N, C-alpha and C. Protein backbone atom coordinates (compact mmCIF):
# COMPACT_ATOMS: atom_id res chain seq x y z
N UNK A 1 -65.10 101.85 37.25
CA UNK A 1 -65.62 101.05 36.15
C UNK A 1 -67.12 100.87 36.35
N UNK A 2 -67.87 101.05 35.27
CA UNK A 2 -69.31 100.90 35.37
C UNK A 2 -69.70 99.44 35.43
N UNK A 3 -70.77 99.16 36.16
CA UNK A 3 -71.29 97.80 36.26
C UNK A 3 -72.15 97.50 35.04
N UNK A 4 -72.02 96.28 34.51
CA UNK A 4 -72.85 95.85 33.40
C UNK A 4 -74.22 95.45 33.93
N UNK A 5 -75.26 95.96 33.32
CA UNK A 5 -76.61 95.58 33.73
C UNK A 5 -77.44 95.33 32.48
N UNK A 6 -78.49 94.57 32.65
CA UNK A 6 -79.45 94.35 31.58
C UNK A 6 -80.68 95.19 31.87
N UNK A 7 -81.26 95.78 30.83
CA UNK A 7 -82.51 96.51 31.08
C UNK A 7 -83.55 95.58 31.66
N UNK A 8 -84.36 96.11 32.52
CA UNK A 8 -85.38 95.29 33.17
C UNK A 8 -86.50 94.89 32.22
N UNK A 9 -86.69 95.65 31.16
CA UNK A 9 -87.79 95.33 30.24
C UNK A 9 -87.24 94.99 28.87
N UNK A 10 -87.24 93.70 28.57
CA UNK A 10 -86.87 93.21 27.24
C UNK A 10 -87.96 92.22 26.85
N UNK A 11 -88.92 92.66 26.05
CA UNK A 11 -90.03 91.76 25.80
C UNK A 11 -90.39 91.61 24.33
N UNK A 12 -89.63 92.16 23.43
CA UNK A 12 -89.95 92.01 22.02
C UNK A 12 -89.23 90.81 21.45
N UNK A 13 -89.62 90.38 20.26
CA UNK A 13 -88.97 89.26 19.58
C UNK A 13 -87.49 89.58 19.34
N UNK A 14 -87.19 90.81 18.97
CA UNK A 14 -85.81 91.22 18.73
C UNK A 14 -84.99 91.05 20.01
N UNK A 15 -85.55 91.43 21.14
CA UNK A 15 -84.84 91.29 22.41
C UNK A 15 -84.67 89.82 22.77
N UNK A 16 -85.65 89.00 22.44
CA UNK A 16 -85.54 87.57 22.68
C UNK A 16 -84.38 86.99 21.88
N UNK A 17 -84.25 87.41 20.64
CA UNK A 17 -83.13 86.95 19.81
C UNK A 17 -81.80 87.45 20.37
N UNK A 18 -81.79 88.65 20.91
CA UNK A 18 -80.58 89.19 21.52
C UNK A 18 -80.17 88.34 22.73
N UNK A 19 -81.13 87.98 23.57
CA UNK A 19 -80.83 87.14 24.73
C UNK A 19 -80.27 85.79 24.30
N UNK A 20 -80.85 85.20 23.27
CA UNK A 20 -80.35 83.92 22.76
C UNK A 20 -78.93 84.08 22.22
N UNK A 21 -78.68 85.17 21.52
CA UNK A 21 -77.34 85.41 20.96
C UNK A 21 -76.31 85.59 22.07
N UNK A 22 -76.69 86.27 23.14
CA UNK A 22 -75.78 86.46 24.27
C UNK A 22 -75.47 85.10 24.90
N UNK A 23 -76.47 84.26 25.06
CA UNK A 23 -76.25 82.92 25.63
C UNK A 23 -75.36 82.08 24.72
N UNK A 24 -75.54 82.21 23.40
CA UNK A 24 -74.65 81.49 22.48
C UNK A 24 -73.21 81.99 22.60
N UNK A 25 -73.05 83.30 22.78
CA UNK A 25 -71.70 83.85 22.95
C UNK A 25 -71.07 83.35 24.25
N UNK A 26 -71.86 83.25 25.30
CA UNK A 26 -71.36 82.71 26.57
C UNK A 26 -70.92 81.26 26.36
N UNK A 27 -71.75 80.48 25.67
CA UNK A 27 -71.41 79.08 25.42
C UNK A 27 -70.13 78.97 24.59
N UNK A 28 -70.00 79.80 23.57
CA UNK A 28 -68.80 79.79 22.73
C UNK A 28 -67.56 80.13 23.55
N UNK A 29 -67.68 81.13 24.41
CA UNK A 29 -66.56 81.51 25.28
C UNK A 29 -66.17 80.35 26.21
N UNK A 30 -67.17 79.72 26.81
CA UNK A 30 -66.90 78.60 27.71
C UNK A 30 -66.24 77.44 26.97
N UNK A 31 -66.69 77.15 25.76
CA UNK A 31 -66.07 76.08 24.98
C UNK A 31 -64.60 76.39 24.68
N UNK A 32 -64.33 77.65 24.35
CA UNK A 32 -62.95 78.05 24.10
C UNK A 32 -62.08 77.89 25.33
N UNK A 33 -62.60 78.29 26.48
CA UNK A 33 -61.85 78.14 27.73
C UNK A 33 -61.65 76.68 28.09
N UNK A 34 -62.68 75.87 27.89
CA UNK A 34 -62.56 74.43 28.15
C UNK A 34 -61.48 73.82 27.27
N UNK A 35 -61.49 74.17 25.98
CA UNK A 35 -60.50 73.63 25.06
C UNK A 35 -59.09 74.10 25.40
N UNK A 36 -58.96 75.37 25.78
CA UNK A 36 -57.66 75.90 26.18
C UNK A 36 -57.12 75.16 27.40
N UNK A 37 -57.98 74.97 28.39
CA UNK A 37 -57.56 74.25 29.59
C UNK A 37 -57.24 72.79 29.30
N UNK A 38 -58.02 72.17 28.43
CA UNK A 38 -57.75 70.77 28.06
C UNK A 38 -56.38 70.65 27.39
N UNK A 39 -56.07 71.60 26.54
CA UNK A 39 -54.76 71.60 25.88
C UNK A 39 -53.64 71.79 26.90
N UNK A 40 -53.84 72.73 27.82
CA UNK A 40 -52.83 72.97 28.85
C UNK A 40 -52.65 71.75 29.75
N UNK A 41 -53.75 71.12 30.11
CA UNK A 41 -53.68 69.90 30.93
C UNK A 41 -52.98 68.78 30.16
N UNK A 42 -53.31 68.64 28.89
CA UNK A 42 -52.72 67.60 28.07
C UNK A 42 -51.23 67.75 27.85
N UNK A 43 -50.75 69.00 27.89
CA UNK A 43 -49.32 69.23 27.66
C UNK A 43 -48.55 69.42 28.97
N UNK A 44 -49.22 69.17 30.09
CA UNK A 44 -48.58 69.35 31.39
C UNK A 44 -47.46 68.32 31.55
N UNK A 45 -46.29 68.75 32.02
CA UNK A 45 -45.17 67.80 32.16
C UNK A 45 -45.50 66.66 33.12
N UNK A 46 -45.12 65.49 32.73
CA UNK A 46 -45.35 64.31 33.57
C UNK A 46 -44.03 63.88 34.19
N UNK A 47 -44.04 63.13 35.24
CA UNK A 47 -45.22 62.68 36.00
C UNK A 47 -45.80 63.84 36.82
N UNK A 48 -47.09 63.74 37.07
CA UNK A 48 -47.80 64.78 37.81
C UNK A 48 -48.09 64.26 39.21
N UNK A 49 -47.46 64.86 40.21
CA UNK A 49 -47.76 64.40 41.57
C UNK A 49 -49.17 64.83 41.98
N UNK A 50 -49.80 64.07 42.82
CA UNK A 50 -51.17 64.36 43.28
C UNK A 50 -51.27 65.71 43.96
N UNK A 51 -50.16 66.16 44.54
CA UNK A 51 -50.19 67.41 45.30
C UNK A 51 -49.82 68.63 44.45
N UNK A 52 -49.75 68.48 43.13
CA UNK A 52 -49.39 69.59 42.25
C UNK A 52 -50.55 70.59 42.21
N UNK A 53 -50.39 71.68 42.94
CA UNK A 53 -51.47 72.66 43.09
C UNK A 53 -51.86 73.30 41.76
N UNK A 54 -50.89 73.60 40.92
CA UNK A 54 -51.19 74.25 39.64
C UNK A 54 -52.01 73.31 38.75
N UNK A 55 -51.60 72.05 38.65
CA UNK A 55 -52.34 71.09 37.84
C UNK A 55 -53.74 70.90 38.39
N UNK A 56 -53.84 70.75 39.70
CA UNK A 56 -55.15 70.56 40.33
C UNK A 56 -56.06 71.75 40.06
N UNK A 57 -55.50 72.95 40.09
CA UNK A 57 -56.29 74.14 39.80
C UNK A 57 -56.80 74.11 38.35
N UNK A 58 -55.94 73.77 37.42
CA UNK A 58 -56.35 73.67 36.01
C UNK A 58 -57.47 72.66 35.85
N UNK A 59 -57.32 71.52 36.48
CA UNK A 59 -58.31 70.45 36.39
C UNK A 59 -59.65 70.89 37.00
N UNK A 60 -59.59 71.53 38.16
CA UNK A 60 -60.82 72.01 38.81
C UNK A 60 -61.49 73.10 37.99
N UNK A 61 -60.70 73.98 37.41
CA UNK A 61 -61.26 75.05 36.59
C UNK A 61 -61.95 74.47 35.35
N UNK A 62 -61.32 73.48 34.72
CA UNK A 62 -61.96 72.85 33.56
C UNK A 62 -63.25 72.16 33.98
N UNK A 63 -63.26 71.51 35.11
CA UNK A 63 -64.48 70.85 35.60
C UNK A 63 -65.59 71.87 35.85
N UNK A 64 -65.23 73.02 36.40
CA UNK A 64 -66.22 74.08 36.65
C UNK A 64 -66.80 74.56 35.32
N UNK A 65 -65.95 74.75 34.33
CA UNK A 65 -66.42 75.22 33.03
C UNK A 65 -67.32 74.18 32.37
N UNK A 66 -66.98 72.91 32.50
CA UNK A 66 -67.83 71.85 31.94
C UNK A 66 -69.21 71.89 32.60
N UNK A 67 -69.25 72.10 33.91
CA UNK A 67 -70.56 72.21 34.61
C UNK A 67 -71.35 73.41 34.09
N UNK A 68 -70.67 74.53 33.84
CA UNK A 68 -71.35 75.71 33.30
C UNK A 68 -71.87 75.44 31.90
N UNK A 69 -71.09 74.74 31.09
CA UNK A 69 -71.55 74.38 29.75
C UNK A 69 -72.79 73.49 29.82
N UNK A 70 -72.81 72.57 30.77
CA UNK A 70 -73.98 71.71 30.95
C UNK A 70 -75.20 72.54 31.34
N UNK A 71 -74.97 73.55 32.17
CA UNK A 71 -76.08 74.42 32.59
C UNK A 71 -76.63 75.20 31.40
N UNK A 72 -75.75 75.72 30.55
CA UNK A 72 -76.18 76.46 29.37
C UNK A 72 -76.93 75.52 28.42
N UNK A 73 -76.40 74.31 28.23
CA UNK A 73 -77.04 73.34 27.33
C UNK A 73 -78.42 72.94 27.85
N UNK A 74 -78.53 72.76 29.14
CA UNK A 74 -79.83 72.39 29.72
C UNK A 74 -80.85 73.51 29.49
N UNK A 75 -80.42 74.74 29.63
CA UNK A 75 -81.33 75.86 29.39
C UNK A 75 -81.76 75.88 27.93
N UNK A 76 -80.80 75.74 27.03
CA UNK A 76 -81.10 75.79 25.59
C UNK A 76 -81.98 74.62 25.16
N UNK A 77 -81.88 73.48 25.83
CA UNK A 77 -82.65 72.30 25.44
C UNK A 77 -84.13 72.46 25.76
N UNK A 78 -84.45 73.30 26.71
CA UNK A 78 -85.84 73.51 27.07
C UNK A 78 -86.44 74.67 26.30
N UNK A 79 -87.49 75.19 26.82
CA UNK A 79 -88.12 76.39 26.26
C UNK A 79 -87.98 77.49 27.30
N UNK A 80 -86.77 78.07 27.41
CA UNK A 80 -86.50 79.00 28.51
C UNK A 80 -87.32 80.28 28.42
N UNK A 81 -87.67 80.75 29.59
CA UNK A 81 -88.37 82.02 29.67
C UNK A 81 -87.35 83.15 29.60
N UNK A 82 -87.84 84.34 29.40
CA UNK A 82 -86.98 85.52 29.40
C UNK A 82 -86.22 85.62 30.71
N UNK A 83 -86.92 85.35 31.81
CA UNK A 83 -86.29 85.44 33.13
C UNK A 83 -85.15 84.44 33.28
N UNK A 84 -85.32 83.24 32.72
CA UNK A 84 -84.25 82.24 32.79
C UNK A 84 -83.03 82.68 31.99
N UNK A 85 -83.27 83.24 30.81
CA UNK A 85 -82.15 83.78 30.02
C UNK A 85 -81.43 84.88 30.79
N UNK A 86 -82.19 85.81 31.32
CA UNK A 86 -81.60 86.94 32.04
C UNK A 86 -80.82 86.46 33.26
N UNK A 87 -81.37 85.49 33.99
CA UNK A 87 -80.67 84.96 35.17
C UNK A 87 -79.35 84.32 34.77
N UNK A 88 -79.35 83.56 33.68
CA UNK A 88 -78.12 82.93 33.22
C UNK A 88 -77.09 83.99 32.84
N UNK A 89 -77.51 84.97 32.08
CA UNK A 89 -76.59 86.03 31.64
C UNK A 89 -76.05 86.79 32.83
N UNK A 90 -76.91 87.13 33.76
CA UNK A 90 -76.46 87.86 34.95
C UNK A 90 -75.44 87.06 35.76
N UNK A 91 -75.61 85.74 35.80
CA UNK A 91 -74.67 84.93 36.56
C UNK A 91 -73.27 84.97 35.94
N UNK A 92 -73.18 85.27 34.66
CA UNK A 92 -71.87 85.34 34.01
C UNK A 92 -71.27 86.73 34.03
N UNK A 93 -72.09 87.75 34.16
CA UNK A 93 -71.54 89.11 34.16
C UNK A 93 -71.39 89.67 35.57
N UNK A 94 -71.91 88.95 36.55
CA UNK A 94 -71.80 89.42 37.95
C UNK A 94 -70.35 89.32 38.42
N UNK A 95 -69.95 90.24 39.27
CA UNK A 95 -68.61 90.14 39.85
C UNK A 95 -68.48 88.84 40.63
N UNK A 96 -67.26 88.28 40.75
CA UNK A 96 -67.07 87.05 41.51
C UNK A 96 -67.66 87.16 42.92
N UNK A 97 -68.33 86.11 43.34
CA UNK A 97 -68.93 86.09 44.66
C UNK A 97 -70.30 86.74 44.74
N UNK A 98 -70.76 87.32 43.61
CA UNK A 98 -72.07 87.99 43.63
C UNK A 98 -73.01 87.41 42.59
N UNK A 99 -72.61 86.27 41.94
CA UNK A 99 -73.44 85.69 40.87
C UNK A 99 -74.43 84.78 41.44
């Protein structure tokens, strides 16, 4: 399988819009995953013991996604540079453990 990479030179207005669109798509994906996990957590059979590994995993995964959404929102709230956009995108397309 080929590795996804971004070209090293993206400096036109069109490329800037592409980077923004990719970040919006990442945010949309994260929101969908957060909502899916929230629904799964909400419908989890009760009572839930503290040691329920599956529930704890769902909860931790949702927390991780919320932190990622906060990171995307913080970037969008500022005036991000091209490098900041590229770094954010690369962190999402990198293989696990290499982001």
